[in-house]
N, C-alpha and C. Protein backbone atom coordinates (compact mmCIF):
# COMPACT_ATOMS: atom_id res chain seq x y z
N MET A 1 0.79 -1.45 -0.08
CA MET A 1 -0.25 0.18 -0.05
C MET A 1 0.61 1.31 0.42
N MET A 2 2.08 1.30 0.80
CA MET A 2 2.61 2.19 1.12
C MET A 2 3.62 2.94 -0.63
N ARG A 3 3.50 1.17 -0.87
CA ARG A 3 4.87 1.41 -2.62
C ARG A 3 4.07 2.46 -3.53
N ALA A 4 2.92 1.73 -3.54
CA ALA A 4 1.75 2.20 -4.46
C ALA A 4 1.33 3.72 -4.17
N LEU A 5 1.46 4.39 -3.44
CA LEU A 5 0.64 5.33 -2.51
C LEU A 5 1.68 6.93 -3.15
N GLY A 6 3.37 6.18 -2.49
CA GLY A 6 4.62 6.92 -2.66
C GLY A 6 4.81 6.82 -4.09
N PHE A 7 4.54 5.88 -4.94
CA PHE A 7 4.97 5.13 -6.05
C PHE A 7 3.66 6.78 -7.15
N SER A 8 2.54 6.80 -6.27
CA SER A 8 0.96 7.48 -7.30
C SER A 8 1.90 9.08 -6.88
N PHE A 9 1.67 9.40 -5.86
CA PHE A 9 2.90 10.46 -5.06
C PHE A 9 4.58 10.95 -6.37
N MET A 10 5.06 10.25 -6.38
CA MET A 10 5.63 10.48 -6.99
C MET A 10 5.32 10.46 -8.61
N LEU A 11 5.06 10.23 -9.08
CA LEU A 11 3.77 10.12 -10.38
C LEU A 11 3.33 11.25 -10.36
N ILE A 12 2.56 11.68 -9.43
CA ILE A 12 1.76 13.53 -10.61
C ILE A 12 3.08 14.43 -9.66
N THR A 13 3.76 14.38 -9.05
CA THR A 13 4.36 15.97 -8.90
C THR A 13 6.19 15.93 -9.78
N ALA A 14 5.90 14.27 -10.40
CA ALA A 14 7.07 14.70 -11.70
C ALA A 14 6.11 15.41 -12.79
N SER A 15 4.33 14.95 -13.32
CA SER A 15 4.37 15.72 -14.62
C SER A 15 3.52 16.78 -13.89
N ALA A 16 3.56 17.20 -12.76
CA ALA A 16 3.26 18.75 -12.54
C ALA A 16 4.19 19.46 -13.14
N PRO A 17 3.27 20.46 -13.28
CA PRO A 17 4.63 21.65 -15.20
C PRO A 17 5.17 22.62 -13.87
N ALA A 18 6.74 22.54 -13.79
CA ALA A 18 7.76 23.55 -12.90
C ALA A 18 6.66 25.33 -13.21
N ALA A 19 7.57 25.53 -12.62
CA ALA A 19 6.53 26.66 -12.47
C ALA A 19 7.99 27.40 -12.76
N ALA A 20 8.28 28.32 -13.56
CA ALA A 20 9.43 29.79 -13.73
C ALA A 20 9.31 30.32 -12.69
N ALA A 21 10.75 30.41 -12.27
CA ALA A 21 11.34 31.13 -11.41
C ALA A 21 12.10 32.52 -11.44
N GLN A 22 11.63 33.04 -10.69
CA GLN A 22 11.39 34.60 -11.43
C GLN A 22 12.69 34.96 -9.71
N ALA A 23 13.66 35.95 -10.43
CA ALA A 23 14.69 36.44 -9.27
C ALA A 23 13.81 37.46 -8.08
N PRO A 24 13.77 37.70 -7.55
CA PRO A 24 13.06 38.81 -6.75
C PRO A 24 13.69 39.95 -7.05
N VAL A 25 15.25 40.60 -7.70
CA VAL A 25 16.31 41.19 -8.73
C VAL A 25 14.75 42.03 -9.45
N ASP A 26 14.27 41.34 -10.79
CA ASP A 26 13.51 40.86 -11.49
C ASP A 26 12.28 41.73 -10.80
N LEU A 27 11.90 42.25 -10.08
CA LEU A 27 10.73 42.62 -10.11
C LEU A 27 10.78 44.20 -9.42
N VAL A 28 12.31 44.81 -9.30
CA VAL A 28 12.06 45.96 -7.97
C VAL A 28 12.70 47.00 -9.48
N ASP A 29 12.27 48.03 -9.37
CA ASP A 29 12.17 49.12 -10.28
C ASP A 29 12.79 50.23 -9.60
N PRO A 30 14.28 50.60 -9.28
CA PRO A 30 14.98 51.78 -8.33
C PRO A 30 15.08 52.98 -8.89
N PHE A 31 14.05 52.99 -10.28
CA PHE A 31 13.95 54.71 -10.39
C PHE A 31 12.48 54.61 -10.67
N MET A 32 11.81 53.86 -10.00
CA MET A 32 10.05 54.56 -9.41
C MET A 32 10.12 55.40 -9.21
N GLY A 33 9.06 56.71 -10.09
CA GLY A 33 8.57 58.07 -9.79
C GLY A 33 9.86 58.83 -10.09
N THR A 34 10.60 58.77 -10.53
CA THR A 34 11.63 59.33 -10.55
C THR A 34 11.40 60.40 -11.75
N THR A 35 10.61 60.18 -12.76
CA THR A 35 10.51 60.75 -13.81
C THR A 35 9.04 62.10 -13.61
N GLY A 36 9.14 62.35 -14.27
CA GLY A 36 8.62 63.81 -14.36
C GLY A 36 8.65 64.40 -13.43
N ASP A 37 9.28 64.84 -12.37
CA ASP A 37 9.78 65.62 -10.93
C ASP A 37 10.50 66.45 -11.14
N ARG A 38 10.91 66.63 -12.37
CA ARG A 38 12.49 67.85 -13.09
C ARG A 38 13.58 67.78 -12.05
N GLY A 39 14.16 66.46 -11.62
CA GLY A 39 14.75 66.16 -10.89
C GLY A 39 15.45 65.78 -9.40
N GLN A 40 14.19 66.22 -8.79
CA GLN A 40 14.05 66.52 -7.66
C GLN A 40 13.91 65.50 -6.37
N LEU A 41 13.61 64.30 -6.60
CA LEU A 41 13.31 63.69 -6.23
C LEU A 41 14.79 62.35 -6.73
N SER A 42 15.11 61.94 -5.44
CA SER A 42 16.46 60.96 -5.16
C SER A 42 16.03 59.97 -5.42
N PRO A 43 16.56 58.68 -6.28
CA PRO A 43 16.48 57.41 -6.20
C PRO A 43 17.21 56.41 -4.57
N ALA A 44 17.76 57.70 -3.46
CA ALA A 44 19.05 56.38 -2.78
C ALA A 44 17.77 56.54 -2.06
N ALA A 45 18.35 55.72 -0.57
CA ALA A 45 18.06 55.10 -0.01
C ALA A 45 17.98 56.30 1.32
N ALA A 46 16.55 56.68 2.09
CA ALA A 46 17.01 58.05 3.13
C ALA A 46 16.58 57.62 4.01
N ALA A 47 17.34 59.18 5.07
CA ALA A 47 16.70 58.45 6.74
C ALA A 47 14.86 59.45 6.41
N PRO A 48 14.03 59.50 7.44
CA PRO A 48 12.61 60.33 7.73
C PRO A 48 13.39 61.65 7.24
N PHE A 49 12.56 62.40 7.18
CA PHE A 49 12.98 64.08 6.33
C PHE A 49 14.11 64.31 5.55
N GLY A 50 14.52 63.84 4.63
CA GLY A 50 15.33 63.87 4.10
C GLY A 50 16.95 64.09 5.17
N MET A 51 17.32 63.50 6.51
CA MET A 51 18.17 64.23 7.23
C MET A 51 19.77 63.75 6.53
N VAL A 52 19.08 62.08 6.02
CA VAL A 52 20.67 61.39 5.55
C VAL A 52 20.22 61.24 3.99
N GLN A 53 20.95 61.47 3.19
CA GLN A 53 20.49 60.14 1.88
C GLN A 53 22.54 59.49 1.15
N LEU A 54 21.41 58.18 1.13
CA LEU A 54 22.76 57.65 0.65
C LEU A 54 23.33 58.05 -1.22
N ALA A 55 23.59 58.42 -1.55
CA ALA A 55 23.24 59.35 -2.56
C ALA A 55 24.05 60.32 -3.06
N PRO A 56 24.35 60.34 -4.22
CA PRO A 56 25.34 61.54 -4.68
C PRO A 56 24.82 63.01 -4.20
N ASP A 57 25.20 63.89 -4.15
CA ASP A 57 24.76 65.72 -4.43
C ASP A 57 24.95 65.75 -5.60
N THR A 58 24.17 66.53 -6.26
CA THR A 58 23.73 66.80 -7.73
C THR A 58 23.10 68.29 -7.62
N THR A 59 24.29 69.39 -8.59
CA THR A 59 22.92 70.47 -8.50
C THR A 59 23.08 70.72 -9.97
N THR A 60 22.75 70.23 -10.50
CA THR A 60 21.95 70.49 -11.80
C THR A 60 20.51 70.70 -11.54
N ARG A 61 20.14 71.30 -12.17
CA ARG A 61 18.56 71.14 -12.44
C ARG A 61 17.26 71.89 -11.00
N GLN A 62 18.11 72.33 -10.44
CA GLN A 62 17.68 72.76 -9.25
C GLN A 62 16.06 73.84 -9.25
N SER A 63 15.23 73.96 -8.59
CA SER A 63 14.41 75.02 -8.77
C SER A 63 14.57 76.07 -7.69
N TYR A 64 15.02 75.62 -6.80
CA TYR A 64 15.61 76.93 -5.80
C TYR A 64 16.39 77.19 -5.08
N ARG A 65 16.68 78.21 -4.93
CA ARG A 65 18.15 78.25 -3.98
C ARG A 65 17.98 78.77 -2.64
N LEU A 66 18.52 78.83 -1.77
CA LEU A 66 18.82 78.99 -0.66
C LEU A 66 19.88 79.57 0.17
């Protein structure tokens, strides 16, 4: 009985179509939200309220000066 059950389990799992594996890195868009903002949005990791940004600071396309 166990042999027939094991064989049927192996047969079912072997005949199932394999799911296409997709890497998690393919699901990430690092530039999401950066278009159409005239360069004022940085695609970098940032602390709350922009106190720390882990990206280079550039001076092009600034809309105001302090």
